[in-house]
Amino acid sequence: MPDIAEATAALTGIAAAQQGPGDTLRIVLLVSMVGGALLAWFLLRGCGRDDTAEQPGERPAEQPGDTSARGASGDAEDANA
């Protein structure tokens, strides 16, 4: 009959050697949380900035398809009304 103490010691040693994917999952979780925070910062950093704001004393930029009833020249004599 085999010695139970030796078998128990052998099984305990094998069980202690097999830790599982715990460290890998911790690293994946940490990297994904840091990546999500950086992605949120990158996407949200422009929300407070208004790129279309005009500077005082500056004439607004005319968009390519932005024409008024006065025509493309902008003179009052070209009014169609």
PDB file of N, CA and C in Angstrom:
ATOM      1  N   MET A   1       0.847  -1.180   0.000  1.00  0.00           N
ATOM      2  CA  MET A   1       0.000   0.000   0.000  1.00  0.00           C
ATOM      3  C   MET A   1       0.892   1.243   0.000  1.00  0.00           C
ATOM      4  N   PRO A   2       0.572   2.226  -0.900  1.00  0.00           N
ATOM      5  CA  PRO A   2       1.414   3.423  -0.975  1.00  0.00           C
ATOM      6  C   PRO A   2       1.250   4.303   0.260  1.00  0.00           C
ATOM      7  N   ASP A   3       2.282   5.056   0.478  1.00  0.00           N
ATOM      8  CA  ASP A   3       2.258   5.962   1.626  1.00  0.00           C
ATOM      9  C   ASP A   3       1.332   7.146   1.323  1.00  0.00           C
ATOM     10  N   ILE A   4       0.343   7.406   2.150  1.00  0.00           N
ATOM     11  CA  ILE A   4      -0.645   8.469   1.934  1.00  0.00           C
ATOM     12  C   ILE A   4      -0.005   9.846   2.089  1.00  0.00           C
ATOM     13  N   ALA A   5       0.950   9.973   2.970  1.00  0.00           N
ATOM     14  CA  ALA A   5       1.608  11.265   3.195  1.00  0.00           C
ATOM     15  C   ALA A   5       2.372  11.703   1.958  1.00  0.00           C
ATOM     16  N   GLU A   6       3.031  10.755   1.279  1.00  0.00           N
ATOM     17  CA  GLU A   6       3.767  11.105   0.056  1.00  0.00           C
ATOM     18  C   GLU A   6       2.795  11.477  -1.061  1.00  0.00           C
ATOM     19  N   ALA A   7       1.694  10.764  -1.190  1.00  0.00           N
ATOM     20  CA  ALA A   7       0.697  11.070  -2.224  1.00  0.00           C
ATOM     21  C   ALA A   7       0.052  12.425  -1.966  1.00  0.00           C
ATOM     22  N   THR A   8      -0.234  12.706  -0.691  1.00  0.00           N
ATOM     23  CA  THR A   8      -0.825  14.003  -0.350  1.00  0.00           C
ATOM     24  C   THR A   8       0.149  15.142  -0.635  1.00  0.00           C
ATOM     25  N   ALA A   9       1.418  14.919  -0.318  1.00  0.00           N
ATOM     26  CA  ALA A   9       2.432  15.934  -0.589  1.00  0.00           C
ATOM     27  C   ALA A   9       2.583  16.165  -2.100  1.00  0.00           C
ATOM     28  N   ALA A  10       2.521  15.081  -2.866  1.00  0.00           N
ATOM     29  CA  ALA A  10       2.640  15.199  -4.321  1.00  0.00           C
ATOM     30  C   ALA A  10       1.441  15.950  -4.908  1.00  0.00           C
ATOM     31  N   LEU A  11       0.235  15.626  -4.458  1.00  0.00           N
ATOM     32  CA  LEU A  11      -0.966  16.315  -4.953  1.00  0.00           C
ATOM     33  C   LEU A  11      -0.983  17.779  -4.524  1.00  0.00           C
ATOM     34  N   THR A  12      -0.527  18.077  -3.333  1.00  0.00           N
ATOM     35  CA  THR A  12      -0.464  19.467  -2.867  1.00  0.00           C
ATOM     36  C   THR A  12       0.538  20.266  -3.692  1.00  0.00           C
ATOM     37  N   GLY A  13       1.647  19.641  -4.027  1.00  0.00           N
ATOM     38  CA  GLY A  13       2.653  20.304  -4.870  1.00  0.00           C
ATOM     39  C   GLY A  13       2.133  20.590  -6.264  1.00  0.00           C
ATOM     40  N   ILE A  14       1.394  19.634  -6.826  1.00  0.00           N
ATOM     41  CA  ILE A  14       0.816  19.833  -8.166  1.00  0.00           C
ATOM     42  C   ILE A  14      -0.246  20.939  -8.130  1.00  0.00           C
ATOM     43  N   ALA A  15      -1.079  20.932  -7.084  1.00  0.00           N
ATOM     44  CA  ALA A  15      -2.133  21.948  -6.980  1.00  0.00           C
ATOM     45  C   ALA A  15      -1.543  23.339  -6.780  1.00  0.00           C
ATOM     46  N   ALA A  16      -0.434  23.427  -6.054  1.00  0.00           N
ATOM     47  CA  ALA A  16       0.191  24.724  -5.820  1.00  0.00           C
ATOM     48  C   ALA A  16       0.860  25.252  -7.090  1.00  0.00           C
ATOM     49  N   ALA A  17       1.314  24.364  -7.965  1.00  0.00           N
ATOM     50  CA  ALA A  17       1.981  24.779  -9.202  1.00  0.00           C
ATOM     51  C   ALA A  17       0.982  25.300 -10.225  1.00  0.00           C
ATOM     52  N   GLN A  18      -0.260  24.874 -10.157  1.00  0.00           N
ATOM     53  CA  GLN A  18      -1.267  25.297 -11.126  1.00  0.00           C
ATOM     54  C   GLN A  18      -2.087  26.439 -10.534  1.00  0.00           C
ATOM     55  N   GLN A  19      -1.665  27.665 -10.835  1.00  0.00           N
ATOM     56  CA  GLN A  19      -2.347  28.845 -10.297  1.00  0.00           C
ATOM     57  C   GLN A  19      -3.525  29.279 -11.167  1.00  0.00           C
ATOM     58  N   GLY A  20      -3.525  28.912 -12.421  1.00  0.00           N
ATOM     59  CA  GLY A  20      -4.617  29.318 -13.310  1.00  0.00           C
ATOM     60  C   GLY A  20      -4.310  30.644 -13.987  1.00  0.00           C
ATOM     61  N   PRO A  21      -5.281  31.193 -14.687  1.00  0.00           N
ATOM     62  CA  PRO A  21      -5.056  32.413 -15.471  1.00  0.00           C
ATOM     63  C   PRO A  21      -5.253  33.702 -14.666  1.00  0.00           C
ATOM     64  N   GLY A  22      -5.101  33.656 -13.359  1.00  0.00           N
ATOM     65  CA  GLY A  22      -5.388  34.827 -12.523  1.00  0.00           C
ATOM     66  C   GLY A  22      -4.536  36.035 -12.854  1.00  0.00           C
ATOM     67  N   ASP A  23      -3.214  35.855 -12.986  1.00  0.00           N
ATOM     68  CA  ASP A  23      -2.329  36.989 -13.275  1.00  0.00           C
ATOM     69  C   ASP A  23      -2.609  37.573 -14.651  1.00  0.00           C
ATOM     70  N   THR A  24      -2.831  36.703 -15.622  1.00  0.00           N
ATOM     71  CA  THR A  24      -3.116  37.178 -16.982  1.00  0.00           C
ATOM     72  C   THR A  24      -4.421  37.966 -17.019  1.00  0.00           C
ATOM     73  N   LEU A  25      -5.440  37.475 -16.340  1.00  0.00           N
ATOM     74  CA  LEU A  25      -6.717  38.188 -16.330  1.00  0.00           C
ATOM     75  C   LEU A  25      -6.607  39.531 -15.611  1.00  0.00           C
ATOM     76  N   ARG A  26      -5.808  39.599 -14.563  1.00  0.00           N
ATOM     77  CA  ARG A  26      -5.600  40.879 -13.882  1.00  0.00           C
ATOM     78  C   ARG A  26      -4.930  41.885 -14.803  1.00  0.00           C
ATOM     79  N   ILE A  27      -3.937  41.437 -15.555  1.00  0.00           N
ATOM     80  CA  ILE A  27      -3.239  42.338 -16.482  1.00  0.00           C
ATOM     81  C   ILE A  27      -4.183  42.799 -17.583  1.00  0.00           C
ATOM     82  N   VAL A  28      -4.961  41.879 -18.148  1.00  0.00           N
ATOM     83  CA  VAL A  28      -5.915  42.241 -19.209  1.00  0.00           C
ATOM     84  C   VAL A  28      -6.945  43.234 -18.677  1.00  0.00           C
ATOM     85  N   LEU A  29      -7.445  43.007 -17.483  1.00  0.00           N
ATOM     86  CA  LEU A  29      -8.428  43.905 -16.891  1.00  0.00           C
ATOM     87  C   LEU A  29      -7.833  45.293 -16.637  1.00  0.00           C
ATOM     88  N   LEU A  30      -6.625  45.341 -16.112  1.00  0.00           N
ATOM     89  CA  LEU A  30      -5.979  46.623 -15.847  1.00  0.00           C
ATOM     90  C   LEU A  30      -5.708  47.394 -17.136  1.00  0.00           C
ATOM     91  N   VAL A  31      -5.197  46.715 -18.146  1.00  0.00           N
ATOM     92  CA  VAL A  31      -4.904  47.377 -19.421  1.00  0.00           C
ATOM     93  C   VAL A  31      -6.187  47.858 -20.084  1.00  0.00           C
ATOM     94  N   SER A  32      -7.264  47.076 -20.007  1.00  0.00           N
ATOM     95  CA  SER A  32      -8.519  47.507 -20.630  1.00  0.00           C
ATOM     96  C   SER A  32      -9.116  48.708 -19.901  1.00  0.00           C
ATOM     97  N   MET A  33      -8.976  48.755 -18.579  1.00  0.00           N
ATOM     98  CA  MET A  33      -9.501  49.912 -17.846  1.00  0.00           C
ATOM     99  C   MET A  33      -8.700  51.174 -18.162  1.00  0.00           C
ATOM    100  N   VAL A  34      -7.380  51.054 -18.222  1.00  0.00           N
ATOM    101  CA  VAL A  34      -6.547  52.215 -18.573  1.00  0.00           C
ATOM    102  C   VAL A  34      -6.830  52.639 -20.007  1.00  0.00           C
ATOM    103  N   GLY A  35      -6.983  51.685 -20.909  1.00  0.00           N
ATOM    104  CA  GLY A  35      -7.304  52.004 -22.302  1.00  0.00           C
ATOM    105  C   GLY A  35      -8.665  52.668 -22.443  1.00  0.00           C
ATOM    106  N   GLY A  36      -9.640  52.208 -21.686  1.00  0.00           N
ATOM    107  CA  GLY A  36     -10.969  52.835 -21.719  1.00  0.00           C
ATOM    108  C   GLY A  36     -10.939  54.248 -21.189  1.00  0.00           C
ATOM    109  N   ALA A  37     -10.161  54.479 -20.141  1.00  0.00           N
ATOM    110  CA  ALA A  37     -10.040  55.840 -19.599  1.00  0.00           C
ATOM    111  C   ALA A  37      -9.351  56.760 -20.599  1.00  0.00           C
ATOM    112  N   LEU A  38      -8.303  56.288 -21.250  1.00  0.00           N
ATOM    113  CA  LEU A  38      -7.622  57.109 -22.261  1.00  0.00           C
ATOM    114  C   LEU A  38      -8.523  57.375 -23.470  1.00  0.00           C
ATOM    115  N   LEU A  39      -9.296  56.389 -23.877  1.00  0.00           N
ATOM    116  CA  LEU A  39     -10.220  56.584 -24.994  1.00  0.00           C
ATOM    117  C   LEU A  39     -11.303  57.597 -24.641  1.00  0.00           C
ATOM    118  N   ALA A  40     -11.842  57.513 -23.434  1.00  0.00           N
ATOM    119  CA  ALA A  40     -12.852  58.482 -22.992  1.00  0.00           C
ATOM    120  C   ALA A  40     -12.264  59.880 -22.941  1.00  0.00           C
ATOM    121  N   TRP A  41     -11.042  60.016 -22.434  1.00  0.00           N
ATOM    122  CA  TRP A  41     -10.395  61.336 -22.386  1.00  0.00           C
ATOM    123  C   TRP A  41     -10.191  61.879 -23.791  1.00  0.00           C
ATOM    124  N   PHE A  42      -9.736  61.025 -24.715  1.00  0.00           N
ATOM    125  CA  PHE A  42      -9.490  61.468 -26.090  1.00  0.00           C
ATOM    126  C   PHE A  42     -10.779  61.916 -26.770  1.00  0.00           C
ATOM    127  N   LEU A  43     -11.871  61.190 -26.558  1.00  0.00           N
ATOM    128  CA  LEU A  43     -13.131  61.538 -27.207  1.00  0.00           C
ATOM    129  C   LEU A  43     -13.813  62.735 -26.560  1.00  0.00           C
ATOM    130  N   LEU A  44     -13.657  62.899 -25.259  1.00  0.00           N
ATOM    131  CA  LEU A  44     -14.361  63.960 -24.552  1.00  0.00           C
ATOM    132  C   LEU A  44     -13.573  65.264 -24.437  1.00  0.00           C
ATOM    133  N   ARG A  45     -12.298  65.269 -24.821  1.00  0.00           N
ATOM    134  CA  ARG A  45     -11.503  66.483 -24.627  1.00  0.00           C
ATOM    135  C   ARG A  45     -11.930  67.622 -25.546  1.00  0.00           C
ATOM    136  N   GLY A  46     -12.594  67.325 -26.644  1.00  0.00           N
ATOM    137  CA  GLY A  46     -13.035  68.360 -27.551  1.00  0.00           C
ATOM    138  C   GLY A  46     -14.445  68.845 -27.277  1.00  0.00           C
ATOM    139  N   CYS A  47     -15.131  68.277 -26.301  1.00  0.00           N
ATOM    140  CA  CYS A  47     -16.524  68.669 -26.047  1.00  0.00           C
ATOM    141  C   CYS A  47     -16.639  70.104 -25.544  1.00  0.00           C
ATOM    142  N   GLY A  48     -15.701  70.569 -24.765  1.00  0.00           N
ATOM    143  CA  GLY A  48     -15.768  71.916 -24.219  1.00  0.00           C
ATOM    144  C   GLY A  48     -15.255  72.970 -25.176  1.00  0.00           C
ATOM    145  N   ARG A  49     -14.644  72.546 -26.250  1.00  0.00           N
ATOM    146  CA  ARG A  49     -14.059  73.471 -27.213  1.00  0.00           C
ATOM    147  C   ARG A  49     -15.060  73.749 -28.327  1.00  0.00           C
ATOM    148  N   ASP A  50     -15.264  75.034 -28.639  1.00  0.00           N
ATOM    149  CA  ASP A  50     -16.171  75.411 -29.717  1.00  0.00           C
ATOM    150  C   ASP A  50     -15.324  75.887 -30.887  1.00  0.00           C
ATOM    151  N   ASP A  51     -15.115  75.036 -31.877  1.00  0.00           N
ATOM    152  CA  ASP A  51     -14.250  75.365 -33.006  1.00  0.00           C
ATOM    153  C   ASP A  51     -14.895  76.365 -33.959  1.00  0.00           C
ATOM    154  N   THR A  52     -16.204  76.540 -33.884  1.00  0.00           N
ATOM    155  CA  THR A  52     -16.875  77.455 -34.805  1.00  0.00           C
ATOM    156  C   THR A  52     -17.027  78.862 -34.218  1.00  0.00           C
ATOM    157  N   ALA A  53     -16.503  79.102 -33.037  1.00  0.00           N
ATOM    158  CA  ALA A  53     -16.638  80.416 -32.408  1.00  0.00           C
ATOM    159  C   ALA A  53     -15.843  81.460 -33.192  1.00  0.00           C
ATOM    160  N   GLU A  54     -16.406  82.639 -33.303  1.00  0.00           N
ATOM    161  CA  GLU A  54     -15.754  83.715 -34.024  1.00  0.00           C
ATOM    162  C   GLU A  54     -15.014  84.619 -33.043  1.00  0.00           C
ATOM    163  N   GLN A  55     -13.902  85.144 -33.491  1.00  0.00           N
ATOM    164  CA  GLN A  55     -13.149  86.092 -32.686  1.00  0.00           C
ATOM    165  C   GLN A  55     -13.817  87.463 -32.810  1.00  0.00           C
ATOM    166  N   PRO A  56     -13.759  88.299 -31.764  1.00  0.00           N
ATOM    167  CA  PRO A  56     -14.359  89.628 -31.846  1.00  0.00           C
ATOM    168  C   PRO A  56     -13.700  90.460 -32.950  1.00  0.00           C
ATOM    169  N   GLY A  57     -14.528  91.107 -33.744  1.00  0.00           N
ATOM    170  CA  GLY A  57     -14.032  91.952 -34.825  1.00  0.00           C
ATOM    171  C   GLY A  57     -13.705  91.175 -36.083  1.00  0.00           C
ATOM    172  N   GLU A  58     -13.898  89.909 -36.076  1.00  0.00           N
ATOM    173  CA  GLU A  58     -13.588  89.088 -37.226  1.00  0.00           C
ATOM    174  C   GLU A  58     -14.861  88.785 -37.996  1.00  0.00           C
ATOM    175  N   ARG A  59     -14.776  88.838 -39.296  1.00  0.00           N
ATOM    176  CA  ARG A  59     -15.924  88.531 -40.129  1.00  0.00           C
ATOM    177  C   ARG A  59     -16.115  87.021 -40.201  1.00  0.00           C
ATOM    178  N   PRO A  60     -17.343  86.521 -40.070  1.00  0.00           N
ATOM    179  CA  PRO A  60     -17.547  85.068 -40.110  1.00  0.00           C
ATOM    180  C   PRO A  60     -17.130  84.491 -41.453  1.00  0.00           C
ATOM    181  N   ALA A  61     -16.556  83.313 -41.419  1.00  0.00           N
ATOM    182  CA  ALA A  61     -16.127  82.648 -42.646  1.00  0.00           C
ATOM    183  C   ALA A  61     -17.351  82.164 -43.404  1.00  0.00           C
ATOM    184  N   GLU A  62     -17.345  82.415 -44.714  1.00  0.00           N
ATOM    185  CA  GLU A  62     -18.477  81.998 -45.536  1.00  0.00           C
ATOM    186  C   GLU A  62     -18.258  80.558 -45.974  1.00  0.00           C
ATOM    187  N   GLN A  63     -19.266  79.748 -45.799  1.00  0.00           N
ATOM    188  CA  GLN A  63     -19.196  78.352 -46.187  1.00  0.00           C
ATOM    189  C   GLN A  63     -19.417  78.251 -47.692  1.00  0.00           C
ATOM    190  N   PRO A  64     -18.910  77.211 -48.348  1.00  0.00           N
ATOM    191  CA  PRO A  64     -19.040  77.103 -49.809  1.00  0.00           C
ATOM    192  C   PRO A  64     -20.487  77.122 -50.295  1.00  0.00           C
ATOM    193  N   GLY A  65     -21.408  76.506 -49.602  1.00  0.00           N
ATOM    194  CA  GLY A  65     -22.790  76.479 -50.046  1.00  0.00           C
ATOM    195  C   GLY A  65     -23.648  77.541 -49.375  1.00  0.00           C
ATOM    196  N   ASP A  66     -23.026  78.490 -48.677  1.00  0.00           N
ATOM    197  CA  ASP A  66     -23.746  79.495 -47.903  1.00  0.00           C
ATOM    198  C   ASP A  66     -23.936  80.753 -48.758  1.00  0.00           C
ATOM    199  N   THR A  67     -25.093  80.888 -49.426  1.00  0.00           N
ATOM    200  CA  THR A  67     -25.386  82.082 -50.227  1.00  0.00           C
ATOM    201  C   THR A  67     -26.677  82.689 -49.732  1.00  0.00           C
ATOM    202  N   SER A  68     -26.745  83.974 -49.731  1.00  0.00           N
ATOM    203  CA  SER A  68     -27.943  84.664 -49.258  1.00  0.00           C
ATOM    204  C   SER A  68     -28.828  85.051 -50.434  1.00  0.00           C
ATOM    205  N   ALA A  69     -29.924  85.759 -50.148  1.00  0.00           N
ATOM    206  CA  ALA A  69     -30.840  86.202 -51.193  1.00  0.00           C
ATOM    207  C   ALA A  69     -30.214  87.302 -52.043  1.00  0.00           C
ATOM    208  N   ARG A  70     -29.144  87.926 -51.542  1.00  0.00           N
ATOM    209  CA  ARG A  70     -28.497  88.993 -52.295  1.00  0.00           C
ATOM    210  C   ARG A  70     -27.584  88.456 -53.378  1.00  0.00           C
ATOM    211  N   GLY A  71     -27.387  87.175 -53.426  1.00  0.00           N
ATOM    212  CA  GLY A  71     -26.506  86.609 -54.444  1.00  0.00           C
ATOM    213  C   GLY A  71     -25.122  86.359 -53.879  1.00  0.00           C
ATOM    214  N   ALA A  72     -24.260  85.901 -54.741  1.00  0.00           N
ATOM    215  CA  ALA A  72     -22.925  85.517 -54.305  1.00  0.00           C
ATOM    216  C   ALA A  72     -22.035  86.720 -54.031  1.00  0.00           C
ATOM    217  N   SER A  73     -22.318  87.866 -54.638  1.00  0.00           N
ATOM    218  CA  SER A  73     -21.426  89.025 -54.462  1.00  0.00           C
ATOM    219  C   SER A  73     -21.635  89.697 -53.106  1.00  0.00           C
ATOM    220  N   GLY A  74     -22.804  89.621 -52.537  1.00  0.00           N
ATOM    221  CA  GLY A  74     -23.054  90.221 -51.227  1.00  0.00           C
ATOM    222  C   GLY A  74     -23.440  91.685 -51.297  1.00  0.00           C
ATOM    223  N   ASP A  75     -23.596  92.243 -52.467  1.00  0.00           N
ATOM    224  CA  ASP A  75     -23.977  93.659 -52.609  1.00  0.00           C
ATOM    225  C   ASP A  75     -25.477  93.820 -52.462  1.00  0.00           C
ATOM    226  N   ALA A  76     -25.891  94.978 -51.975  1.00  0.00           N
ATOM    227  CA  ALA A  76     -27.312  95.248 -51.775  1.00  0.00           C
ATOM    228  C   ALA A  76     -28.038  95.437 -53.107  1.00  0.00           C
ATOM    229  N   GLU A  77     -27.301  95.790 -54.145  1.00  0.00           N
ATOM    230  CA  GLU A  77     -27.953  96.013 -55.441  1.00  0.00           C
ATOM    231  C   GLU A  77     -28.404  94.710 -56.097  1.00  0.00           C
ATOM    232  N   ASP A  78     -27.878  93.594 -55.649  1.00  0.00           N
ATOM    233  CA  ASP A  78     -28.212  92.328 -56.263  1.00  0.00           C
ATOM    234  C   ASP A  78     -29.454  91.689 -55.640  1.00  0.00           C
ATOM    235  N   ALA A  79     -30.165  92.382 -54.787  1.00  0.00           N
ATOM    236  CA  ALA A  79     -31.293  91.776 -54.085  1.00  0.00           C
ATOM    237  C   ALA A  79     -32.401  91.413 -55.068  1.00  0.00           C
ATOM    238  N   ASN A  80     -32.972  90.275 -54.869  1.00  0.00           N
ATOM    239  CA  ASN A  80     -34.047  89.804 -55.750  1.00  0.00           C
ATOM    240  C   ASN A  80     -35.426  90.135 -55.184  1.00  0.00           C
ATOM    241  N   ALA A  81     -35.483  90.672 -53.991  1.00  0.00           N
ATOM    242  CA  ALA A  81     -36.762  90.923 -53.364  1.00  0.00           C
ATOM    243  C   ALA A  81     -37.297  92.194 -53.788  1.00  0.00           C
TER     244      ALA A  81
END
